[in-house]
Amino acid sequence: RLQPSRGYHVELGAREKALLEEDVALKRFKS
């Protein structure tokens, strides 16, 4: 119970960073 449930922070990989970037093709649906 004393340890954090999420664990230690790990840097995002290239795939995760690419998925989090803004997509130009989806920008028109933001409205």
PDB file of all heavy atoms in Angstrom:
ATOM      1  N   ARG A   1       0.827  -1.208   0.000  1.00  0.00           N
ATOM      2  CA  ARG A   1       0.000   0.000   0.000  1.00  0.00           C
ATOM      3  C   ARG A   1       0.862   1.260   0.000  1.00  0.00           C
ATOM      4  O   ARG A   1       0.421   2.318  -0.391  1.00  0.00           O
ATOM      5  CB  ARG A   1      -0.893   0.025   1.239  1.00  0.00           C
ATOM      6  CG  ARG A   1      -1.899  -1.070   1.286  1.00  0.00           C
ATOM      7  CD  ARG A   1      -3.130  -0.638   0.591  1.00  0.00           C
ATOM      8  NE  ARG A   1      -4.161  -1.644   0.775  1.00  0.00           N
ATOM      9  CZ  ARG A   1      -5.151  -1.798  -0.044  1.00  0.00           C
ATOM     10  NH1 ARG A   1      -5.255  -1.017  -1.077  1.00  0.00           N
ATOM     11  NH2 ARG A   1      -6.040  -2.721   0.159  1.00  0.00           N
ATOM     12  N   LEU A   2       2.102   1.134   0.461  1.00  0.00           N
ATOM     13  CA  LEU A   2       2.970   2.289   0.553  1.00  0.00           C
ATOM     14  C   LEU A   2       3.623   2.635  -0.778  1.00  0.00           C
ATOM     15  O   LEU A   2       4.081   3.743  -0.976  1.00  0.00           O
ATOM     16  CB  LEU A   2       4.051   2.045   1.615  1.00  0.00           C
ATOM     17  CG  LEU A   2       3.528   1.756   3.020  1.00  0.00           C
ATOM     18  CD1 LEU A   2       4.682   1.427   3.951  1.00  0.00           C
ATOM     19  CD2 LEU A   2       2.734   2.929   3.552  1.00  0.00           C
ATOM     20  N   GLN A   3       3.669   1.686  -1.705  1.00  0.00           N
ATOM     21  CA  GLN A   3       4.296   1.926  -2.991  1.00  0.00           C
ATOM     22  C   GLN A   3       3.279   2.505  -3.960  1.00  0.00           C
ATOM     23  O   GLN A   3       2.104   2.180  -3.895  1.00  0.00           O
ATOM     24  CB  GLN A   3       4.857   0.628  -3.566  1.00  0.00           C
ATOM     25  CG  GLN A   3       5.997   0.066  -2.746  1.00  0.00           C
ATOM     26  CD  GLN A   3       6.478  -1.257  -3.326  1.00  0.00           C
ATOM     27  OE1 GLN A   3       5.852  -1.802  -4.212  1.00  0.00           O
ATOM     28  NE2 GLN A   3       7.579  -1.746  -2.799  1.00  0.00           N
ATOM     29  N   PRO A   4       3.718   3.379  -4.848  1.00  0.00           N
ATOM     30  CA  PRO A   4       2.777   3.937  -5.825  1.00  0.00           C
ATOM     31  C   PRO A   4       2.261   2.838  -6.745  1.00  0.00           C
ATOM     32  O   PRO A   4       2.985   1.910  -7.107  1.00  0.00           O
ATOM     33  CB  PRO A   4       3.604   4.973  -6.578  1.00  0.00           C
ATOM     34  CG  PRO A   4       5.021   4.602  -6.340  1.00  0.00           C
ATOM     35  CD  PRO A   4       5.074   3.901  -5.014  1.00  0.00           C
ATOM     36  N   SER A   5       1.008   2.949  -7.121  1.00  0.00           N
ATOM     37  CA  SER A   5       0.388   1.912  -7.944  1.00  0.00           C
ATOM     38  C   SER A   5       0.814   1.998  -9.409  1.00  0.00           C
ATOM     39  O   SER A   5       0.695   1.033 -10.138  1.00  0.00           O
ATOM     40  CB  SER A   5      -1.132   2.021  -7.853  1.00  0.00           C
ATOM     41  OG  SER A   5      -1.551   3.274  -8.337  1.00  0.00           O
ATOM     42  N   ARG A   6       1.303   3.150  -9.844  1.00  0.00           N
ATOM     43  CA  ARG A   6       1.647   3.313 -11.253  1.00  0.00           C
ATOM     44  C   ARG A   6       3.073   2.883 -11.563  1.00  0.00           C
ATOM     45  O   ARG A   6       3.429   2.745 -12.714  1.00  0.00           O
ATOM     46  CB  ARG A   6       1.466   4.774 -11.668  1.00  0.00           C
ATOM     47  CG  ARG A   6       0.052   5.254 -11.448  1.00  0.00           C
ATOM     48  CD  ARG A   6      -0.072   6.668 -11.838  1.00  0.00           C
ATOM     49  NE  ARG A   6      -0.736   6.699 -13.126  1.00  0.00           N
ATOM     50  CZ  ARG A   6      -0.810   7.767 -13.886  1.00  0.00           C
ATOM     51  NH1 ARG A   6      -0.254   8.877 -13.493  1.00  0.00           N
ATOM     52  NH2 ARG A   6      -1.431   7.735 -15.026  1.00  0.00           N
ATOM     53  N   GLY A   7       3.894   2.699 -10.576  1.00  0.00           N
ATOM     54  CA  GLY A   7       5.272   2.304 -10.837  1.00  0.00           C
ATOM     55  C   GLY A   7       6.131   3.505 -11.158  1.00  0.00           C
ATOM     56  O   GLY A   7       5.755   4.652 -10.971  1.00  0.00           O
ATOM     57  N   TYR A   8       7.313   3.235 -11.657  1.00  0.00           N
ATOM     58  CA  TYR A   8       8.259   4.296 -11.958  1.00  0.00           C
ATOM     59  C   TYR A   8       7.998   4.874 -13.348  1.00  0.00           C
ATOM     60  O   TYR A   8       7.472   4.208 -14.236  1.00  0.00           O
ATOM     61  CB  TYR A   8       9.691   3.762 -11.886  1.00  0.00           C
ATOM     62  CG  TYR A   8      10.057   3.332 -10.496  1.00  0.00           C
ATOM     63  CD1 TYR A   8      10.136   1.987 -10.174  1.00  0.00           C
ATOM     64  CD2 TYR A   8      10.306   4.272  -9.510  1.00  0.00           C
ATOM     65  CE1 TYR A   8      10.452   1.593  -8.895  1.00  0.00           C
ATOM     66  CE2 TYR A   8      10.620   3.890  -8.236  1.00  0.00           C
ATOM     67  CZ  TYR A   8      10.699   2.544  -7.918  1.00  0.00           C
ATOM     68  OH  TYR A   8      11.002   2.158  -6.663  1.00  0.00           O
ATOM     69  N   HIS A   9       8.412   6.120 -13.536  1.00  0.00           N
ATOM     70  CA  HIS A   9       8.213   6.777 -14.823  1.00  0.00           C
ATOM     71  C   HIS A   9       9.178   6.197 -15.855  1.00  0.00           C
ATOM     72  O   HIS A   9      10.359   6.038 -15.602  1.00  0.00           O
ATOM     73  CB  HIS A   9       8.448   8.280 -14.686  1.00  0.00           C
ATOM     74  CG  HIS A   9       8.330   8.997 -15.983  1.00  0.00           C
ATOM     75  ND1 HIS A   9       7.128   9.183 -16.615  1.00  0.00           N
ATOM     76  CD2 HIS A   9       9.265   9.558 -16.786  1.00  0.00           C
ATOM     77  CE1 HIS A   9       7.328   9.838 -17.739  1.00  0.00           C
ATOM     78  NE2 HIS A   9       8.614  10.079 -17.869  1.00  0.00           N
ATOM     79  N   VAL A  10       8.640   5.885 -17.010  1.00  0.00           N
ATOM     80  CA  VAL A  10       9.437   5.356 -18.113  1.00  0.00           C
ATOM     81  C   VAL A  10       9.249   6.295 -19.290  1.00  0.00           C
ATOM     82  O   VAL A  10       8.132   6.716 -19.602  1.00  0.00           O
ATOM     83  CB  VAL A  10       8.971   3.926 -18.480  1.00  0.00           C
ATOM     84  CG1 VAL A  10       9.760   3.394 -19.649  1.00  0.00           C
ATOM     85  CG2 VAL A  10       9.073   3.006 -17.288  1.00  0.00           C
ATOM     86  N   GLU A  11      10.332   6.633 -19.952  1.00  0.00           N
ATOM     87  CA  GLU A  11      10.248   7.512 -21.118  1.00  0.00           C
ATOM     88  C   GLU A  11       9.435   6.839 -22.224  1.00  0.00           C
ATOM     89  O   GLU A  11       9.499   5.634 -22.406  1.00  0.00           O
ATOM     90  CB  GLU A  11      11.649   7.838 -21.636  1.00  0.00           C
ATOM     91  CG  GLU A  11      12.378   8.856 -20.802  1.00  0.00           C
ATOM     92  CD  GLU A  11      11.695  10.212 -20.821  1.00  0.00           C
ATOM     93  OE1 GLU A  11      11.207  10.645 -21.885  1.00  0.00           O
ATOM     94  OE2 GLU A  11      11.641  10.834 -19.749  1.00  0.00           O
ATOM     95  N   LEU A  12       8.683   7.656 -22.967  1.00  0.00           N
ATOM     96  CA  LEU A  12       7.892   7.137 -24.070  1.00  0.00           C
ATOM     97  C   LEU A  12       8.796   6.747 -25.228  1.00  0.00           C
ATOM     98  O   LEU A  12       9.817   7.401 -25.484  1.00  0.00           O
ATOM     99  CB  LEU A  12       6.903   8.198 -24.539  1.00  0.00           C
ATOM    100  CG  LEU A  12       5.861   8.646 -23.523  1.00  0.00           C
ATOM    101  CD1 LEU A  12       5.015   9.760 -24.105  1.00  0.00           C
ATOM    102  CD2 LEU A  12       5.000   7.485 -23.106  1.00  0.00           C
ATOM    103  N   GLY A  13       8.380   5.718 -25.928  1.00  0.00           N
ATOM    104  CA  GLY A  13       9.122   5.289 -27.100  1.00  0.00           C
ATOM    105  C   GLY A  13       8.729   6.098 -28.327  1.00  0.00           C
ATOM    106  O   GLY A  13       7.864   6.969 -28.283  1.00  0.00           O
ATOM    107  N   ALA A  14       9.342   5.789 -29.448  1.00  0.00           N
ATOM    108  CA  ALA A  14       9.070   6.525 -30.688  1.00  0.00           C
ATOM    109  C   ALA A  14       7.629   6.336 -31.136  1.00  0.00           C
ATOM    110  O   ALA A  14       6.974   7.286 -31.605  1.00  0.00           O
ATOM    111  CB  ALA A  14      10.029   6.067 -31.776  1.00  0.00           C
ATOM    112  N   ARG A  15       7.096   5.133 -30.980  1.00  0.00           N
ATOM    113  CA  ARG A  15       5.716   4.856 -31.411  1.00  0.00           C
ATOM    114  C   ARG A  15       4.719   5.637 -30.567  1.00  0.00           C
ATOM    115  O   ARG A  15       3.761   6.219 -31.087  1.00  0.00           O
ATOM    116  CB  ARG A  15       5.435   3.361 -31.306  1.00  0.00           C
ATOM    117  CG  ARG A  15       4.067   2.974 -31.807  1.00  0.00           C
ATOM    118  CD  ARG A  15       3.937   1.458 -31.883  1.00  0.00           C
ATOM    119  NE  ARG A  15       2.697   1.096 -32.501  1.00  0.00           N
ATOM    120  CZ  ARG A  15       1.567   0.846 -31.836  1.00  0.00           C
ATOM    121  NH1 ARG A  15       1.547   0.903 -30.534  1.00  0.00           N
ATOM    122  NH2 ARG A  15       0.461   0.524 -32.484  1.00  0.00           N
ATOM    123  N   GLU A  16       4.929   5.664 -29.252  1.00  0.00           N
ATOM    124  CA  GLU A  16       4.023   6.396 -28.376  1.00  0.00           C
ATOM    125  C   GLU A  16       4.069   7.891 -28.657  1.00  0.00           C
ATOM    126  O   GLU A  16       3.046   8.571 -28.674  1.00  0.00           O
ATOM    127  CB  GLU A  16       4.360   6.138 -26.899  1.00  0.00           C
ATOM    128  CG  GLU A  16       3.994   4.753 -26.422  1.00  0.00           C
ATOM    129  CD  GLU A  16       5.089   3.746 -26.648  1.00  0.00           C
ATOM    130  OE1 GLU A  16       6.171   4.133 -27.150  1.00  0.00           O
ATOM    131  OE2 GLU A  16       4.878   2.565 -26.336  1.00  0.00           O
ATOM    132  N   LYS A  17       5.261   8.413 -28.900  1.00  0.00           N
ATOM    133  CA  LYS A  17       5.382   9.831 -29.214  1.00  0.00           C
ATOM    134  C   LYS A  17       4.687  10.164 -30.527  1.00  0.00           C
ATOM    135  O   LYS A  17       4.039  11.200 -30.660  1.00  0.00           O
ATOM    136  CB  LYS A  17       6.856  10.231 -29.279  1.00  0.00           C
ATOM    137  CG  LYS A  17       7.506  10.277 -27.914  1.00  0.00           C
ATOM    138  CD  LYS A  17       8.960  10.675 -28.026  1.00  0.00           C
ATOM    139  CE  LYS A  17       9.627  10.683 -26.657  1.00  0.00           C
ATOM    140  NZ  LYS A  17      11.052  11.003 -26.731  1.00  0.00           N
ATOM    141  N   ALA A  18       4.809   9.266 -31.505  1.00  0.00           N
ATOM    142  CA  ALA A  18       4.151   9.488 -32.797  1.00  0.00           C
ATOM    143  C   ALA A  18       2.632   9.458 -32.644  1.00  0.00           C
ATOM    144  O   ALA A  18       1.912  10.227 -33.296  1.00  0.00           O
ATOM    145  CB  ALA A  18       4.612   8.443 -33.803  1.00  0.00           C
ATOM    146  N   LEU A  19       2.123   8.588 -31.770  1.00  0.00           N
ATOM    147  CA  LEU A  19       0.675   8.501 -31.570  1.00  0.00           C
ATOM    148  C   LEU A  19       0.133   9.728 -30.838  1.00  0.00           C
ATOM    149  O   LEU A  19      -1.032  10.102 -31.028  1.00  0.00           O
ATOM    150  CB  LEU A  19       0.322   7.243 -30.784  1.00  0.00           C
ATOM    151  CG  LEU A  19       0.460   5.920 -31.547  1.00  0.00           C
ATOM    152  CD1 LEU A  19       0.284   4.754 -30.606  1.00  0.00           C
ATOM    153  CD2 LEU A  19      -0.567   5.859 -32.669  1.00  0.00           C
ATOM    154  N   LEU A  20       0.946  10.355 -30.015  1.00  0.00           N
ATOM    155  CA  LEU A  20       0.498  11.516 -29.263  1.00  0.00           C
ATOM    156  C   LEU A  20       0.614  12.816 -30.042  1.00  0.00           C
ATOM    157  O   LEU A  20       0.057  13.835 -29.634  1.00  0.00           O
ATOM    158  CB  LEU A  20       1.288  11.630 -27.951  1.00  0.00           C
ATOM    159  CG  LEU A  20       0.976  10.557 -26.913  1.00  0.00           C
ATOM    160  CD1 LEU A  20       1.919  10.678 -25.748  1.00  0.00           C
ATOM    161  CD2 LEU A  20      -0.467  10.654 -26.456  1.00  0.00           C
ATOM    162  N   GLU A  21       1.311  12.802 -31.160  1.00  0.00           N
ATOM    163  CA  GLU A  21       1.436  14.019 -31.967  1.00  0.00           C
ATOM    164  C   GLU A  21       0.110  14.355 -32.624  1.00  0.00           C
ATOM    165  O   GLU A  21      -0.728  13.499 -32.868  1.00  0.00           O
ATOM    166  CB  GLU A  21       2.508  13.820 -33.048  1.00  0.00           C
ATOM    167  CG  GLU A  21       3.915  13.849 -32.511  1.00  0.00           C
ATOM    168  CD  GLU A  21       4.942  13.650 -33.611  1.00  0.00           C
ATOM    169  OE1 GLU A  21       4.553  13.603 -34.801  1.00  0.00           O
ATOM    170  OE2 GLU A  21       6.124  13.536 -33.273  1.00  0.00           O
ATOM    171  N   GLU A  22      -0.068  15.650 -32.932  1.00  0.00           N
ATOM    172  CA  GLU A  22      -1.295  16.093 -33.579  1.00  0.00           C
ATOM    173  C   GLU A  22      -1.315  15.620 -35.027  1.00  0.00           C
ATOM    174  O   GLU A  22      -0.335  15.764 -35.756  1.00  0.00           O
ATOM    175  CB  GLU A  22      -1.368  17.616 -33.517  1.00  0.00           C
ATOM    176  CG  GLU A  22      -2.707  18.157 -33.920  1.00  0.00           C
ATOM    177  CD  GLU A  22      -2.818  19.628 -33.630  1.00  0.00           C
ATOM    178  OE1 GLU A  22      -2.351  20.047 -32.558  1.00  0.00           O
ATOM    179  OE2 GLU A  22      -3.366  20.343 -34.474  1.00  0.00           O
ATOM    180  N   ASP A  23      -2.435  15.080 -35.454  1.00  0.00           N
ATOM    181  CA  ASP A  23      -2.574  14.563 -36.810  1.00  0.00           C
ATOM    182  C   ASP A  23      -3.292  15.607 -37.667  1.00  0.00           C
ATOM    183  O   ASP A  23      -4.388  16.053 -37.324  1.00  0.00           O
ATOM    184  CB  ASP A  23      -3.368  13.253 -36.790  1.00  0.00           C
ATOM    185  CG  ASP A  23      -3.285  12.503 -38.104  1.00  0.00           C
ATOM    186  OD1 ASP A  23      -2.663  13.026 -39.054  1.00  0.00           O
ATOM    187  OD2 ASP A  23      -3.832  11.392 -38.179  1.00  0.00           O
ATOM    188  N   VAL A  24      -2.672  15.976 -38.767  1.00  0.00           N
ATOM    189  CA  VAL A  24      -3.239  17.010 -39.649  1.00  0.00           C
ATOM    190  C   VAL A  24      -4.524  16.510 -40.301  1.00  0.00           C
ATOM    191  O   VAL A  24      -5.479  17.279 -40.490  1.00  0.00           O
ATOM    192  CB  VAL A  24      -2.199  17.408 -40.716  1.00  0.00           C
ATOM    193  CG1 VAL A  24      -2.767  18.455 -41.653  1.00  0.00           C
ATOM    194  CG2 VAL A  24      -0.935  17.912 -40.049  1.00  0.00           C
ATOM    195  N   ALA A  25      -4.606  15.223 -40.611  1.00  0.00           N
ATOM    196  CA  ALA A  25      -5.794  14.680 -41.269  1.00  0.00           C
ATOM    197  C   ALA A  25      -7.018  14.725 -40.357  1.00  0.00           C
ATOM    198  O   ALA A  25      -8.152  14.811 -40.830  1.00  0.00           O
ATOM    199  CB  ALA A  25      -5.532  13.247 -41.712  1.00  0.00           C
ATOM    200  N   LEU A  26      -6.812  14.679 -39.056  1.00  0.00           N
ATOM    201  CA  LEU A  26      -7.937  14.692 -38.119  1.00  0.00           C
ATOM    202  C   LEU A  26      -8.285  16.088 -37.608  1.00  0.00           C
ATOM    203  O   LEU A  26      -9.245  16.255 -36.870  1.00  0.00           O
ATOM    204  CB  LEU A  26      -7.613  13.792 -36.919  1.00  0.00           C
ATOM    205  CG  LEU A  26      -7.385  12.315 -37.234  1.00  0.00           C
ATOM    206  CD1 LEU A  26      -6.971  11.575 -35.987  1.00  0.00           C
ATOM    207  CD2 LEU A  26      -8.624  11.700 -37.847  1.00  0.00           C
ATOM    208  N   LYS A  27      -7.529  17.078 -38.021  1.00  0.00           N
ATOM    209  CA  LYS A  27      -7.729  18.427 -37.509  1.00  0.00           C
ATOM    210  C   LYS A  27      -9.097  18.995 -37.890  1.00  0.00           C
ATOM    211  O   LYS A  27      -9.697  19.734 -37.110  1.00  0.00           O
ATOM    212  CB  LYS A  27      -6.620  19.342 -38.030  1.00  0.00           C
ATOM    213  CG  LYS A  27      -6.461  20.585 -37.224  1.00  0.00           C
ATOM    214  CD  LYS A  27      -5.178  21.280 -37.591  1.00  0.00           C
ATOM    215  CE  LYS A  27      -4.885  22.298 -36.511  1.00  0.00           C
ATOM    216  NZ  LYS A  27      -3.560  22.814 -36.594  1.00  0.00           N
ATOM    217  N   ARG A  28      -9.622  18.622 -39.044  1.00  0.00           N
ATOM    218  CA  ARG A  28     -10.915  19.172 -39.457  1.00  0.00           C
ATOM    219  C   ARG A  28     -12.073  18.654 -38.618  1.00  0.00           C
ATOM    220  O   ARG A  28     -13.141  19.242 -38.580  1.00  0.00           O
ATOM    221  CB  ARG A  28     -11.176  18.889 -40.935  1.00  0.00           C
ATOM    222  CG  ARG A  28     -11.345  17.426 -41.243  1.00  0.00           C
ATOM    223  CD  ARG A  28     -11.556  17.221 -42.727  1.00  0.00           C
ATOM    224  NE  ARG A  28     -11.737  15.805 -43.005  1.00  0.00           N
ATOM    225  CZ  ARG A  28     -12.566  15.330 -43.885  1.00  0.00           C
ATOM    226  NH1 ARG A  28     -13.290  16.156 -44.619  1.00  0.00           N
ATOM    227  NH2 ARG A  28     -12.681  14.044 -44.075  1.00  0.00           N
ATOM    228  N   PHE A  29     -11.903  17.527 -37.923  1.00  0.00           N
ATOM    229  CA  PHE A  29     -12.969  16.972 -37.088  1.00  0.00           C
ATOM    230  C   PHE A  29     -12.967  17.567 -35.679  1.00  0.00           C
ATOM    231  O   PHE A  29     -13.854  17.289 -34.896  1.00  0.00           O
ATOM    232  CB  PHE A  29     -12.834  15.454 -36.989  1.00  0.00           C
ATOM    233  CG  PHE A  29     -12.999  14.765 -38.304  1.00  0.00           C
ATOM    234  CD1 PHE A  29     -11.917  14.200 -38.934  1.00  0.00           C
ATOM    235  CD2 PHE A  29     -14.235  14.699 -38.917  1.00  0.00           C
ATOM    236  CE1 PHE A  29     -12.067  13.573 -40.150  1.00  0.00           C
ATOM    237  CE2 PHE A  29     -14.396  14.086 -40.128  1.00  0.00           C
ATOM    238  CZ  PHE A  29     -13.300  13.508 -40.762  1.00  0.00           C
ATOM    239  N   LYS A  30     -11.989  18.365 -35.369  1.00  0.00           N
ATOM    240  CA  LYS A  30     -11.867  18.933 -34.033  1.00  0.00           C
ATOM    241  C   LYS A  30     -13.007  19.899 -33.727  1.00  0.00           C
ATOM    242  O   LYS A  30     -13.394  20.066 -32.581  1.00  0.00           O
ATOM    243  CB  LYS A  30     -10.521  19.633 -33.887  1.00  0.00           C
ATOM    244  CG  LYS A  30     -10.171  19.995 -32.475  1.00  0.00           C
ATOM    245  CD  LYS A  30      -8.761  20.510 -32.395  1.00  0.00           C
ATOM    246  CE  LYS A  30      -8.387  20.779 -30.957  1.00  0.00           C
ATOM    247  NZ  LYS A  30      -7.020  21.244 -30.841  1.00  0.00           N
ATOM    248  N   SER A  31     -13.576  20.520 -34.737  1.00  0.00           N
ATOM    249  CA  SER A  31     -14.634  21.500 -34.519  1.00  0.00           C
ATOM    250  C   SER A  31     -15.908  20.861 -33.988  1.00  0.00           C
ATOM    251  O   SER A  31     -16.756  21.544 -33.432  1.00  0.00           O
ATOM    252  CB  SER A  31     -14.933  22.250 -35.817  1.00  0.00           C
ATOM    253  OG  SER A  31     -15.413  21.343 -36.779  1.00  0.00           O
TER     254      SER A  31
END
